[in-house]
Amino acid sequence: STQSHGGVSCFNGSIKRMDSQASPMITTASYMLLNFLASVAIIWINKYVFLYGFKFGTTLTFLHFVCTFAGLWICKSYKMFEVKPLRIRDVLPLCIAFCGFVVFNNLSLL
């Protein structure tokens, strides 16, 4: 069992100080690993879906965008990042690249 007393964690008799914030490098590496694992999972699910007769690539692309939006909304709600106003002209190339990435990945499954 774990007990916590004023920033000190006691686990099975060992005592160590809990840092209030993980190091930025560990946090970044964790997010990168999570992104990689999510990407692999999406590829496997897409292949499974198309293998068993699903032929609606546009619908799948739409679902990807909805899930991405929902995930970002949840992350924003938990203050995992701060929303900053940007000019559309500055982010349009990135948006087009992202859309192309999803569309062409899905088209490659047909």
C-alpha atoms as a PDB file:
ATOM      1  CA  SER A   1       0.000   0.000   0.000  1.00  0.00           C
ATOM      2  CA  THR A   2       1.045   3.573  -0.619  1.00  0.00           C
ATOM      3  CA  GLN A   3       0.674   6.412   1.865  1.00  0.00           C
ATOM      4  CA  SER A   4       1.413  10.060   1.269  1.00  0.00           C
ATOM      5  CA  HIS A   5       2.357  12.534   3.983  1.00  0.00           C
ATOM      6  CA  GLY A   6       3.059  16.134   2.959  1.00  0.00           C
ATOM      7  CA  GLY A   7       4.951  15.383  -0.267  1.00  0.00           C
ATOM      8  CA  VAL A   8       6.695  12.295   1.087  1.00  0.00           C
ATOM      9  CA  SER A   9       5.666   8.965  -0.379  1.00  0.00           C
ATOM     10  CA  CYS A  10       5.797   5.776   1.684  1.00  0.00           C
ATOM     11  CA  PHE A  11       5.647   2.575  -0.349  1.00  0.00           C
ATOM     12  CA  ASN A  12       6.358  -0.767   1.306  1.00  0.00           C
ATOM     13  CA  GLY A  13       8.511   0.840   3.970  1.00  0.00           C
ATOM     14  CA  SER A  14      10.684   2.938   1.649  1.00  0.00           C
ATOM     15  CA  ILE A  15      10.461   6.717   1.861  1.00  0.00           C
ATOM     16  CA  LYS A  16      11.266   9.061  -0.971  1.00  0.00           C
ATOM     17  CA  ARG A  17      10.502  12.670  -1.797  1.00  0.00           C
ATOM     18  CA  MET A  18       7.873  13.213  -4.521  1.00  0.00           C
ATOM     19  CA  ASP A  19       8.705  15.995  -6.975  1.00  0.00           C
ATOM     20  CA  SER A  20       5.738  18.174  -7.795  1.00  0.00           C
ATOM     21  CA  GLN A  21       6.639  18.111 -11.493  1.00  0.00           C
ATOM     22  CA  ALA A  22       8.362  15.438 -13.608  1.00  0.00           C
ATOM     23  CA  SER A  23      11.404  16.542 -15.558  1.00  0.00           C
ATOM     24  CA  PRO A  24      10.515  18.042 -18.954  1.00  0.00           C
ATOM     25  CA  MET A  25      12.652  15.463 -20.770  1.00  0.00           C
ATOM     26  CA  ILE A  26      10.776  12.530 -19.206  1.00  0.00           C
ATOM     27  CA  THR A  27       7.438  14.198 -19.914  1.00  0.00           C
ATOM     28  CA  THR A  28       8.368  14.810 -23.554  1.00  0.00           C
ATOM     29  CA  ALA A  29       9.633  11.248 -23.985  1.00  0.00           C
ATOM     30  CA  SER A  30       6.424   9.904 -22.439  1.00  0.00           C
ATOM     31  CA  TYR A  31       4.251  11.916 -24.823  1.00  0.00           C
ATOM     32  CA  MET A  32       6.366  10.782 -27.785  1.00  0.00           C
ATOM     33  CA  LEU A  33       5.994   7.145 -26.736  1.00  0.00           C
ATOM     34  CA  LEU A  34       2.249   7.593 -26.278  1.00  0.00           C
ATOM     35  CA  ASN A  35       1.997   9.168 -29.758  1.00  0.00           C
ATOM     36  CA  PHE A  36       3.969   6.296 -31.293  1.00  0.00           C
ATOM     37  CA  LEU A  37       1.847   3.629 -29.592  1.00  0.00           C
ATOM     38  CA  ALA A  38      -1.378   5.396 -30.569  1.00  0.00           C
ATOM     39  CA  SER A  39      -0.196   5.615 -34.196  1.00  0.00           C
ATOM     40  CA  VAL A  40       0.614   1.900 -34.302  1.00  0.00           C
ATOM     41  CA  ALA A  41      -2.752   1.067 -32.726  1.00  0.00           C
ATOM     42  CA  ILE A  42      -4.585   3.200 -35.289  1.00  0.00           C
ATOM     43  CA  ILE A  43      -2.767   1.464 -38.152  1.00  0.00           C
ATOM     44  CA  TRP A  44      -3.658  -1.985 -36.788  1.00  0.00           C
ATOM     45  CA  ILE A  45      -7.292  -0.998 -36.273  1.00  0.00           C
ATOM     46  CA  ASN A  46      -7.503   0.496 -39.779  1.00  0.00           C
ATOM     47  CA  LYS A  47      -6.068  -2.666 -41.335  1.00  0.00           C
ATOM     48  CA  TYR A  48      -8.482  -4.815 -39.328  1.00  0.00           C
ATOM     49  CA  VAL A  49     -11.460  -2.670 -40.331  1.00  0.00           C
ATOM     50  CA  PHE A  50     -10.568  -2.738 -44.035  1.00  0.00           C
ATOM     51  CA  LEU A  51      -9.695  -6.440 -43.951  1.00  0.00           C
ATOM     52  CA  TYR A  52     -13.250  -7.254 -42.900  1.00  0.00           C
ATOM     53  CA  GLY A  53     -15.016  -5.326 -45.642  1.00  0.00           C
ATOM     54  CA  PHE A  54     -15.211  -1.682 -44.532  1.00  0.00           C
ATOM     55  CA  LYS A  55     -14.772   0.345 -47.754  1.00  0.00           C
ATOM     56  CA  PHE A  56     -15.579   3.888 -46.654  1.00  0.00           C
ATOM     57  CA  GLY A  57     -12.221   5.663 -46.512  1.00  0.00           C
ATOM     58  CA  THR A  58     -13.794   9.111 -46.298  1.00  0.00           C
ATOM     59  CA  THR A  59     -15.893   8.090 -43.301  1.00  0.00           C
ATOM     60  CA  LEU A  60     -12.829   6.653 -41.607  1.00  0.00           C
ATOM     61  CA  THR A  61     -10.943   9.886 -42.247  1.00  0.00           C
ATOM     62  CA  PHE A  62     -13.821  11.877 -40.754  1.00  0.00           C
ATOM     63  CA  LEU A  63     -13.798   9.639 -37.675  1.00  0.00           C
ATOM     64  CA  HIS A  64     -10.052  10.207 -37.287  1.00  0.00           C
ATOM     65  CA  PHE A  65     -10.574  13.959 -37.311  1.00  0.00           C
ATOM     66  CA  VAL A  66     -13.437  13.745 -34.797  1.00  0.00           C
ATOM     67  CA  CYS A  67     -11.327  11.596 -32.454  1.00  0.00           C
ATOM     68  CA  THR A  68      -8.359  13.948 -32.802  1.00  0.00           C
ATOM     69  CA  PHE A  69     -10.562  16.943 -32.002  1.00  0.00           C
ATOM     70  CA  ALA A  70     -12.088  15.177 -28.989  1.00  0.00           C
ATOM     71  CA  GLY A  71      -8.666  14.119 -27.716  1.00  0.00           C
ATOM     72  CA  LEU A  72      -7.298  17.643 -28.027  1.00  0.00           C
ATOM     73  CA  TRP A  73     -10.379  19.057 -26.321  1.00  0.00           C
ATOM     74  CA  ILE A  74      -9.921  16.646 -23.401  1.00  0.00           C
ATOM     75  CA  CYS A  75      -6.203  17.467 -23.137  1.00  0.00           C
ATOM     76  CA  LYS A  76      -7.032  21.180 -23.173  1.00  0.00           C
ATOM     77  CA  SER A  77      -9.598  20.632 -20.408  1.00  0.00           C
ATOM     78  CA  TYR A  78      -6.893  19.034 -18.254  1.00  0.00           C
ATOM     79  CA  LYS A  79      -4.568  21.949 -19.060  1.00  0.00           C
ATOM     80  CA  MET A  80      -2.041  19.695 -20.779  1.00  0.00           C
ATOM     81  CA  PHE A  81      -1.358  22.564 -23.161  1.00  0.00           C
ATOM     82  CA  GLU A  82      -2.278  26.208 -23.521  1.00  0.00           C
ATOM     83  CA  VAL A  83      -4.323  27.386 -26.494  1.00  0.00           C
ATOM     84  CA  LYS A  84      -2.648  30.308 -28.229  1.00  0.00           C
ATOM     85  CA  PRO A  85      -4.200  32.465 -30.934  1.00  0.00           C
ATOM     86  CA  LEU A  86      -2.406  32.072 -34.278  1.00  0.00           C
ATOM     87  CA  ARG A  87      -2.932  33.542 -37.711  1.00  0.00           C
ATOM     88  CA  ILE A  88      -4.455  31.015 -40.123  1.00  0.00           C
ATOM     89  CA  ARG A  89      -1.765  31.872 -42.661  1.00  0.00           C
ATOM     90  CA  ASP A  90       0.916  30.669 -40.223  1.00  0.00           C
ATOM     91  CA  VAL A  91      -0.665  27.284 -39.489  1.00  0.00           C
ATOM     92  CA  LEU A  92      -2.284  26.510 -42.853  1.00  0.00           C
ATOM     93  CA  PRO A  93       0.731  24.574 -44.231  1.00  0.00           C
ATOM     94  CA  LEU A  94       0.757  22.374 -41.123  1.00  0.00           C
ATOM     95  CA  CYS A  95      -3.011  21.822 -41.378  1.00  0.00           C
ATOM     96  CA  ILE A  96      -2.725  20.801 -45.026  1.00  0.00           C
ATOM     97  CA  ALA A  97       0.144  18.431 -44.235  1.00  0.00           C
ATOM     98  CA  PHE A  98      -1.852  16.819 -41.405  1.00  0.00           C
ATOM     99  CA  CYS A  99      -4.945  16.399 -43.579  1.00  0.00           C
ATOM    100  CA  GLY A 100      -2.847  14.928 -46.368  1.00  0.00           C
ATOM    101  CA  PHE A 101      -1.189  12.523 -43.933  1.00  0.00           C
ATOM    102  CA  VAL A 102      -4.511  11.145 -42.734  1.00  0.00           C
ATOM    103  CA  VAL A 103      -6.162  11.060 -46.163  1.00  0.00           C
ATOM    104  CA  PHE A 104      -3.250   9.350 -47.939  1.00  0.00           C
ATOM    105  CA  ASN A 105      -2.758   6.833 -45.128  1.00  0.00           C
ATOM    106  CA  ASN A 106      -6.398   5.862 -45.382  1.00  0.00           C
ATOM    107  CA  LEU A 107      -6.329   5.744 -49.186  1.00  0.00           C
ATOM    108  CA  SER A 108      -3.349   3.397 -49.044  1.00  0.00           C
ATOM    109  CA  LEU A 109      -5.557   0.880 -47.246  1.00  0.00           C
ATOM    110  CA  LEU A 110      -8.073   0.630 -50.109  1.00  0.00           C
END
